């Protein structure tokens, strides 16, 4: 993960972990006008977020949050 996107990806994971979100909510809230800085797609590509309905933080994503002191997230 690049130093530029790392904090944004962690923010996205926290946002998803707070409550169930739809895929449409995620792409709308986390889209960017810069094609080189697509936080949503980076999180999906790295397996940190699953695009199930509702969208959820994966085990790998929860581990990354804990590793960076971003708090515990509910399983799912």
PDB file of N, CA and C in Angstrom:
ATOM      1  N   UNK A   1       0.853  -1.167   0.000  1.00  0.00           N
ATOM      2  CA  UNK A   1       0.000   0.000   0.000  1.00  0.00           C
ATOM      3  C   UNK A   1       0.895   1.225   0.000  1.00  0.00           C
ATOM      4  N   UNK A   2       0.566   2.178  -0.823  1.00  0.00           N
ATOM      5  CA  UNK A   2       1.415   3.359  -0.916  1.00  0.00           C
ATOM      6  C   UNK A   2       1.245   4.243   0.319  1.00  0.00           C
ATOM      7  N   UNK A   3       2.272   5.013   0.664  1.00  0.00           N
ATOM      8  CA  UNK A   3       2.168   5.917   1.810  1.00  0.00           C
ATOM      9  C   UNK A   3       1.052   6.946   1.644  1.00  0.00           C
ATOM     10  N   UNK A   4       0.709   7.252   0.411  1.00  0.00           N
ATOM     11  CA  UNK A   4      -0.354   8.237   0.165  1.00  0.00           C
ATOM     12  C   UNK A   4      -1.722   7.636   0.436  1.00  0.00           C
ATOM     13  N   UNK A   5      -1.963   6.417  -0.011  1.00  0.00           N
ATOM     14  CA  UNK A   5      -3.295   5.838   0.141  1.00  0.00           C
ATOM     15  C   UNK A   5      -3.503   5.096   1.452  1.00  0.00           C
ATOM     16  N   UNK A   6      -2.444   4.715   2.147  1.00  0.00           N
ATOM     17  CA  UNK A   6      -2.585   3.913   3.362  1.00  0.00           C
ATOM     18  C   UNK A   6      -3.558   4.520   4.377  1.00  0.00           C
ATOM     19  N   UNK A   7      -3.423   5.796   4.746  1.00  0.00           N
ATOM     20  CA  UNK A   7      -4.377   6.356   5.712  1.00  0.00           C
ATOM     21  C   UNK A   7      -5.812   6.378   5.179  1.00  0.00           C
ATOM     22  N   UNK A   8      -5.963   6.610   3.889  1.00  0.00           N
ATOM     23  CA  UNK A   8      -7.305   6.634   3.306  1.00  0.00           C
ATOM     24  C   UNK A   8      -7.926   5.240   3.276  1.00  0.00           C
ATOM     25  N   UNK A   9      -7.131   4.232   2.993  1.00  0.00           N
ATOM     26  CA  UNK A   9      -7.643   2.866   3.012  1.00  0.00           C
ATOM     27  C   UNK A   9      -8.069   2.495   4.425  1.00  0.00           C
ATOM     28  N   UNK A  10      -7.296   2.861   5.417  1.00  0.00           N
ATOM     29  CA  UNK A  10      -7.672   2.592   6.811  1.00  0.00           C
ATOM     30  C   UNK A  10      -8.960   3.328   7.171  1.00  0.00           C
ATOM     31  N   UNK A  11      -9.103   4.563   6.706  1.00  0.00           N
ATOM     32  CA  UNK A  11     -10.345   5.307   6.935  1.00  0.00           C
ATOM     33  C   UNK A  11     -11.532   4.596   6.294  1.00  0.00           C
ATOM     34  N   UNK A  12     -11.337   4.096   5.085  1.00  0.00           N
ATOM     35  CA  UNK A  12     -12.397   3.359   4.399  1.00  0.00           C
ATOM     36  C   UNK A  12     -12.782   2.110   5.186  1.00  0.00           C
ATOM     37  N   UNK A  13     -11.793   1.365   5.653  1.00  0.00           N
ATOM     38  CA  UNK A  13     -12.079   0.154   6.421  1.00  0.00           C
ATOM     39  C   UNK A  13     -12.871   0.478   7.683  1.00  0.00           C
ATOM     40  N   UNK A  14     -12.493   1.530   8.371  1.00  0.00           N
ATOM     41  CA  UNK A  14     -13.245   1.948   9.558  1.00  0.00           C
ATOM     42  C   UNK A  14     -14.677   2.315   9.199  1.00  0.00           C
ATOM     43  N   UNK A  15     -14.847   3.017   8.107  1.00  0.00           N
ATOM     44  CA  UNK A  15     -16.170   3.453   7.660  1.00  0.00           C
ATOM     45  C   UNK A  15     -17.055   2.246   7.365  1.00  0.00           C
ATOM     46  N   UNK A  16     -16.510   1.260   6.663  1.00  0.00           N
ATOM     47  CA  UNK A  16     -17.278   0.059   6.330  1.00  0.00           C
ATOM     48  C   UNK A  16     -17.589  -0.735   7.604  1.00  0.00           C
ATOM     49  N   UNK A  17     -16.643  -0.796   8.523  1.00  0.00           N
ATOM     50  CA  UNK A  17     -16.810  -1.612   9.731  1.00  0.00           C
ATOM     51  C   UNK A  17     -17.864  -1.044  10.684  1.00  0.00           C
ATOM     52  N   UNK A  18     -18.145   0.243  10.591  1.00  0.00           N
ATOM     53  CA  UNK A  18     -19.095   0.869  11.524  1.00  0.00           C
ATOM     54  C   UNK A  18     -20.504   0.317  11.411  1.00  0.00           C
ATOM     55  N   UNK A  19     -20.953   0.050  10.182  1.00  0.00           N
ATOM     56  CA  UNK A  19     -22.304  -0.481   9.979  1.00  0.00           C
ATOM     57  C   UNK A  19     -22.403  -1.033   8.566  1.00  0.00           C
ATOM     58  N   UNK A  20     -23.400  -1.861   8.307  1.00  0.00           N
ATOM     59  CA  UNK A  20     -23.538  -2.422   6.953  1.00  0.00           C
ATOM     60  C   UNK A  20     -23.674  -1.318   5.903  1.00  0.00           C
ATOM     61  N   UNK A  21     -22.981  -1.507   4.796  1.00  0.00           N
ATOM     62  CA  UNK A  21     -23.010  -0.558   3.681  1.00  0.00           C
ATOM     63  C   UNK A  21     -23.280  -1.331   2.397  1.00  0.00           C
ATOM     64  N   UNK A  22     -23.978  -0.707   1.481  1.00  0.00           N
ATOM     65  CA  UNK A  22     -24.173  -1.344   0.177  1.00  0.00           C
ATOM     66  C   UNK A  22     -22.966  -1.021  -0.697  1.00  0.00           C
ATOM     67  N   UNK A  23     -22.803  -1.797  -1.751  1.00  0.00           N
ATOM     68  CA  UNK A  23     -21.718  -1.535  -2.695  1.00  0.00           C
ATOM     69  C   UNK A  23     -21.889  -0.149  -3.309  1.00  0.00           C
ATOM     70  N   UNK A  24     -23.119   0.215  -3.628  1.00  0.00           N
ATOM     71  CA  UNK A  24     -23.385   1.542  -4.204  1.00  0.00           C
ATOM     72  C   UNK A  24     -22.998   2.648  -3.226  1.00  0.00           C
ATOM     73  N   UNK A  25     -23.297   2.469  -1.938  1.00  0.00           N
ATOM     74  CA  UNK A  25     -22.888   3.457  -0.925  1.00  0.00           C
ATOM     75  C   UNK A  25     -21.377   3.618  -0.912  1.00  0.00           C
ATOM     76  N   UNK A  26     -20.677   2.502  -0.969  1.00  0.00           N
ATOM     77  CA  UNK A  26     -19.214   2.533  -0.912  1.00  0.00           C
ATOM     78  C   UNK A  26     -18.596   3.221  -2.100  1.00  0.00           C
ATOM     79  N   UNK A  27     -19.053   2.870  -3.285  1.00  0.00           N
ATOM     80  CA  UNK A  27     -18.457   3.490  -4.463  1.00  0.00           C
ATOM     81  C   UNK A  27     -18.811   4.967  -4.560  1.00  0.00           C
ATOM     82  N   UNK A  28     -19.987   5.330  -4.116  1.00  0.00           N
ATOM     83  CA  UNK A  28     -20.388   6.743  -4.152  1.00  0.00           C
ATOM     84  C   UNK A  28     -19.596   7.558  -3.138  1.00  0.00           C
ATOM     85  N   UNK A  29     -19.474   7.051  -1.930  1.00  0.00           N
ATOM     86  CA  UNK A  29     -18.812   7.796  -0.859  1.00  0.00           C
ATOM     87  C   UNK A  29     -17.301   7.861  -1.041  1.00  0.00           C
ATOM     88  N   UNK A  30     -16.716   6.851  -1.681  1.00  0.00           N
ATOM     89  CA  UNK A  30     -15.262   6.758  -1.747  1.00  0.00           C
ATOM     90  C   UNK A  30     -14.686   6.905  -3.144  1.00  0.00           C
ATOM     91  N   UNK A  31     -15.469   7.359  -4.082  1.00  0.00           N
ATOM     92  CA  UNK A  31     -14.902   7.573  -5.420  1.00  0.00           C
ATOM     93  C   UNK A  31     -14.039   8.826  -5.397  1.00  0.00           C
ATOM     94  N   UNK A  32     -13.193   8.935  -6.362  1.00  0.00           N
ATOM     95  CA  UNK A  32     -12.293  10.080  -6.448  1.00  0.00           C
ATOM     96  C   UNK A  32     -12.178  10.507  -7.900  1.00  0.00           C
ATOM     97  N   UNK A  33     -11.842  11.738  -8.100  1.00  0.00           N
ATOM     98  CA  UNK A  33     -11.688  12.227  -9.473  1.00  0.00           C
ATOM     99  C   UNK A  33     -10.306  11.893 -10.037  1.00  0.00           C
ATOM    100  N   UNK A  34      -9.431  11.388  -9.193  1.00  0.00           N
ATOM    101  CA  UNK A  34      -8.077  11.056  -9.634  1.00  0.00           C
ATOM    102  C   UNK A  34      -7.975   9.552  -9.880  1.00  0.00           C
ATOM    103  N   UNK A  35      -7.798   9.134 -11.130  1.00  0.00           N
ATOM    104  CA  UNK A  35      -7.751   7.702 -11.405  1.00  0.00           C
ATOM    105  C   UNK A  35      -6.576   6.987 -10.748  1.00  0.00           C
ATOM    106  N   UNK A  36      -5.558   7.699 -10.341  1.00  0.00           N
ATOM    107  CA  UNK A  36      -4.415   7.065  -9.685  1.00  0.00           C
ATOM    108  C   UNK A  36      -4.623   6.930  -8.179  1.00  0.00           C
ATOM    109  N   UNK A  37      -5.712   7.436  -7.657  1.00  0.00           N
ATOM    110  CA  UNK A  37      -5.949   7.411  -6.216  1.00  0.00           C
ATOM    111  C   UNK A  37      -7.356   6.893  -5.933  1.00  0.00           C
ATOM    112  N   UNK A  38      -7.633   5.681  -6.339  1.00  0.00           N
ATOM    113  CA  UNK A  38      -8.941   5.094  -6.115  1.00  0.00           C
ATOM    114  C   UNK A  38      -8.892   4.192  -4.890  1.00  0.00           C
ATOM    115  N   UNK A  39      -9.221   4.768  -3.759  1.00  0.00           N
ATOM    116  CA  UNK A  39      -9.119   4.086  -2.471  1.00  0.00           C
ATOM    117  C   UNK A  39     -10.014   2.853  -2.432  1.00  0.00           C
ATOM    118  N   UNK A  40     -11.231   2.998  -2.917  1.00  0.00           N
ATOM    119  CA  UNK A  40     -12.184   1.894  -2.917  1.00  0.00           C
ATOM    120  C   UNK A  40     -11.621   0.687  -3.670  1.00  0.00           C
ATOM    121  N   UNK A  41     -11.153   0.908  -4.880  1.00  0.00           N
ATOM    122  CA  UNK A  41     -10.640  -0.194  -5.687  1.00  0.00           C
ATOM    123  C   UNK A  41      -9.370  -0.796  -5.092  1.00  0.00           C
ATOM    124  N   UNK A  42      -8.538   0.027  -4.483  1.00  0.00           N
ATOM    125  CA  UNK A  42      -7.337  -0.514  -3.840  1.00  0.00           C
ATOM    126  C   UNK A  42      -7.716  -1.461  -2.709  1.00  0.00           C
ATOM    127  N   UNK A  43      -8.683  -1.056  -1.899  1.00  0.00           N
ATOM    128  CA  UNK A  43      -9.114  -1.906  -0.787  1.00  0.00           C
ATOM    129  C   UNK A  43      -9.714  -3.220  -1.294  1.00  0.00           C
ATOM    130  N   UNK A  44     -10.508  -3.151  -2.351  1.00  0.00           N
ATOM    131  CA  UNK A  44     -11.100  -4.357  -2.931  1.00  0.00           C
ATOM    132  C   UNK A  44     -10.012  -5.236  -3.534  1.00  0.00           C
ATOM    133  N   UNK A  45      -9.122  -4.640  -4.326  1.00  0.00           N
ATOM    134  CA  UNK A  45      -8.055  -5.402  -4.986  1.00  0.00           C
ATOM    135  C   UNK A  45      -7.141  -6.094  -3.981  1.00  0.00           C
ATOM    136  N   UNK A  46      -6.912  -5.483  -2.852  1.00  0.00           N
ATOM    137  CA  UNK A  46      -6.027  -6.062  -1.829  1.00  0.00           C
ATOM    138  C   UNK A  46      -6.747  -7.056  -0.918  1.00  0.00           C
ATOM    139  N   UNK A  47      -8.052  -7.241  -1.144  1.00  0.00           N
ATOM    140  CA  UNK A  47      -8.802  -8.207  -0.339  1.00  0.00           C
ATOM    141  C   UNK A  47      -9.132  -7.709   1.046  1.00  0.00           C
ATOM    142  N   UNK A  48      -9.154  -6.402   1.229  1.00  0.00           N
ATOM    143  CA  UNK A  48      -9.453  -5.821   2.537  1.00  0.00           C
ATOM    144  C   UNK A  48     -10.947  -5.614   2.745  1.00  0.00           C
ATOM    145  N   UNK A  49     -11.674  -5.525   1.652  1.00  0.00           N
ATOM    146  CA  UNK A  49     -13.122  -5.328   1.666  1.00  0.00           C
ATOM    147  C   UNK A  49     -13.730  -6.346   0.714  1.00  0.00           C
ATOM    148  N   UNK A  50     -14.817  -6.972   1.132  1.00  0.00           N
ATOM    149  CA  UNK A  50     -15.538  -7.903   0.258  1.00  0.00           C
ATOM    150  C   UNK A  50     -16.768  -7.200  -0.282  1.00  0.00           C
ATOM    151  N   UNK A  51     -17.015  -7.357  -1.574  1.00  0.00           N
ATOM    152  CA  UNK A  51     -18.137  -6.670  -2.213  1.00  0.00           C
ATOM    153  C   UNK A  51     -19.444  -7.433  -2.091  1.00  0.00           C
ATOM    154  N   UNK A  52     -19.580  -8.200  -1.042  1.00  0.00           N
ATOM    155  CA  UNK A  52     -20.849  -8.868  -0.786  1.00  0.00           C
ATOM    156  C   UNK A  52     -21.886  -7.784  -0.504  1.00  0.00           C
ATOM    157  N   UNK A  53     -23.124  -8.170  -0.405  1.00  0.00           N
ATOM    158  CA  UNK A  53     -24.153  -7.227   0.044  1.00  0.00           C
ATOM    159  C   UNK A  53     -24.619  -7.695   1.408  1.00  0.00           C
ATOM    160  N   UNK A  54     -24.401  -6.956   2.457  1.00  0.00           N
ATOM    161  CA  UNK A  54     -23.698  -5.678   2.444  1.00  0.00           C
ATOM    162  C   UNK A  54     -22.193  -5.872   2.306  1.00  0.00           C
ATOM    163  N   UNK A  55     -21.535  -4.794   1.919  1.00  0.00           N
ATOM    164  CA  UNK A  55     -20.076  -4.773   1.846  1.00  0.00           C
ATOM    165  C   UNK A  55     -19.539  -5.015   3.251  1.00  0.00           C
ATOM    166  N   UNK A  56     -18.413  -5.706   3.350  1.00  0.00           N
ATOM    167  CA  UNK A  56     -17.866  -5.979   4.685  1.00  0.00           C
ATOM    168  C   UNK A  56     -16.348  -5.923   4.660  1.00  0.00           C
ATOM    169  N   UNK A  57     -15.792  -5.669   5.817  1.00  0.00           N
ATOM    170  CA  UNK A  57     -14.345  -5.717   6.002  1.00  0.00           C
ATOM    171  C   UNK A  57     -13.970  -7.181   6.158  1.00  0.00           C
ATOM    172  N   UNK A  58     -12.978  -7.622   5.418  1.00  0.00           N
ATOM    173  CA  UNK A  58     -12.532  -9.016   5.491  1.00  0.00           C
ATOM    174  C   UNK A  58     -11.665  -9.228   6.729  1.00  0.00           C
ATOM    175  N   UNK A  59     -11.332 -10.474   6.967  1.00  0.00           N
ATOM    176  CA  UNK A  59     -10.422 -10.805   8.067  1.00  0.00           C
ATOM    177  C   UNK A  59      -9.098 -10.068   7.895  1.00  0.00           C
ATOM    178  N   UNK A  60      -8.587 -10.036   6.671  1.00  0.00           N
ATOM    179  CA  UNK A  60      -7.346  -9.325   6.379  1.00  0.00           C
ATOM    180  C   UNK A  60      -7.497  -7.829   6.685  1.00  0.00           C
ATOM    181  N   UNK A  61      -8.635  -7.266   6.325  1.00  0.00           N
ATOM    182  CA  UNK A  61      -8.890  -5.854   6.616  1.00  0.00           C
ATOM    183  C   UNK A  61      -8.977  -5.581   8.105  1.00  0.00           C
ATOM    184  N   UNK A  62      -9.640  -6.462   8.845  1.00  0.00           N
ATOM    185  CA  UNK A  62      -9.728  -6.289  10.309  1.00  0.00           C
ATOM    186  C   UNK A  62      -8.345  -6.388  10.941  1.00  0.00           C
ATOM    187  N   UNK A  63      -7.523  -7.304  10.416  1.00  0.00           N
ATOM    188  CA  UNK A  63      -6.154  -7.447  10.918  1.00  0.00           C
ATOM    189  C   UNK A  63      -5.365  -6.153  10.675  1.00  0.00           C
ATOM    190  N   UNK A  64      -5.512  -5.582   9.481  1.00  0.00           N
ATOM    191  CA  UNK A  64      -4.807  -4.341   9.152  1.00  0.00           C
ATOM    192  C   UNK A  64      -5.254  -3.201  10.066  1.00  0.00           C
ATOM    193  N   UNK A  65      -6.552  -3.107  10.336  1.00  0.00           N
ATOM    194  CA  UNK A  65      -7.038  -2.079  11.255  1.00  0.00           C
ATOM    195  C   UNK A  65      -6.409  -2.247  12.640  1.00  0.00           C
ATOM    196  N   UNK A  66      -6.428  -3.456  13.152  1.00  0.00           N
ATOM    197  CA  UNK A  66      -5.858  -3.717  14.478  1.00  0.00           C
ATOM    198  C   UNK A  66      -4.360  -3.426  14.500  1.00  0.00           C
ATOM    199  N   UNK A  67      -3.681  -3.791  13.427  1.00  0.00           N
ATOM    200  CA  UNK A  67      -2.242  -3.571  13.325  1.00  0.00           C
ATOM    201  C   UNK A  67      -1.882  -2.089  13.396  1.00  0.00           C
ATOM    202  N   UNK A  68      -2.783  -1.250  12.930  1.00  0.00           N
ATOM    203  CA  UNK A  68      -2.540   0.192  12.920  1.00  0.00           C
ATOM    204  C   UNK A  68      -3.262   0.910  14.052  1.00  0.00           C
ATOM    205  N   UNK A  69      -3.717   0.141  15.050  1.00  0.00           N
ATOM    206  CA  UNK A  69      -4.347   0.739  16.223  1.00  0.00           C
ATOM    207  C   UNK A  69      -5.652   1.442  15.927  1.00  0.00           C
ATOM    208  N   UNK A  70      -6.347   0.966  14.921  1.00  0.00           N
ATOM    209  CA  UNK A  70      -7.607   1.592  14.531  1.00  0.00           C
ATOM    210  C   UNK A  70      -8.800   0.965  15.234  1.00  0.00           C
ATOM    211  N   UNK A  71      -8.543   0.122  16.221  1.00  0.00           N
ATOM    212  CA  UNK A  71      -9.629  -0.447  17.018  1.00  0.00           C
ATOM    213  C   UNK A  71     -10.168  -1.739  16.459  1.00  0.00           C
ATOM    214  N   UNK A  72     -10.901  -2.405  17.295  1.00  0.00           N
ATOM    215  CA  UNK A  72     -11.521  -3.674  16.916  1.00  0.00           C
ATOM    216  C   UNK A  72     -12.732  -3.388  16.051  1.00  0.00           C
ATOM    217  N   UNK A  73     -12.990  -4.296  15.146  1.00  0.00           N
ATOM    218  CA  UNK A  73     -14.170  -4.191  14.305  1.00  0.00           C
ATOM    219  C   UNK A  73     -14.994  -5.435  14.459  1.00  0.00           C
ATOM    220  N   UNK A  74     -16.295  -5.325  14.319  1.00  0.00           N
ATOM    221  CA  UNK A  74     -17.117  -6.516  14.459  1.00  0.00           C
ATOM    222  C   UNK A  74     -16.823  -7.527  13.358  1.00  0.00           C
ATOM    223  N   UNK A  75     -16.915  -8.818  13.668  1.00  0.00           N
ATOM    224  CA  UNK A  75     -16.664  -9.822  12.639  1.00  0.00           C
ATOM    225  C   UNK A  75     -17.696  -9.710  11.528  1.00  0.00           C
ATOM    226  N   UNK A  76     -17.292 -10.184  10.361  1.00  0.00           N
ATOM    227  CA  UNK A  76     -18.271 -10.179   9.271  1.00  0.00           C
ATOM    228  C   UNK A  76     -17.580 -10.039   8.025  1.00  0.00           C
TER     229      UNK A  76
END
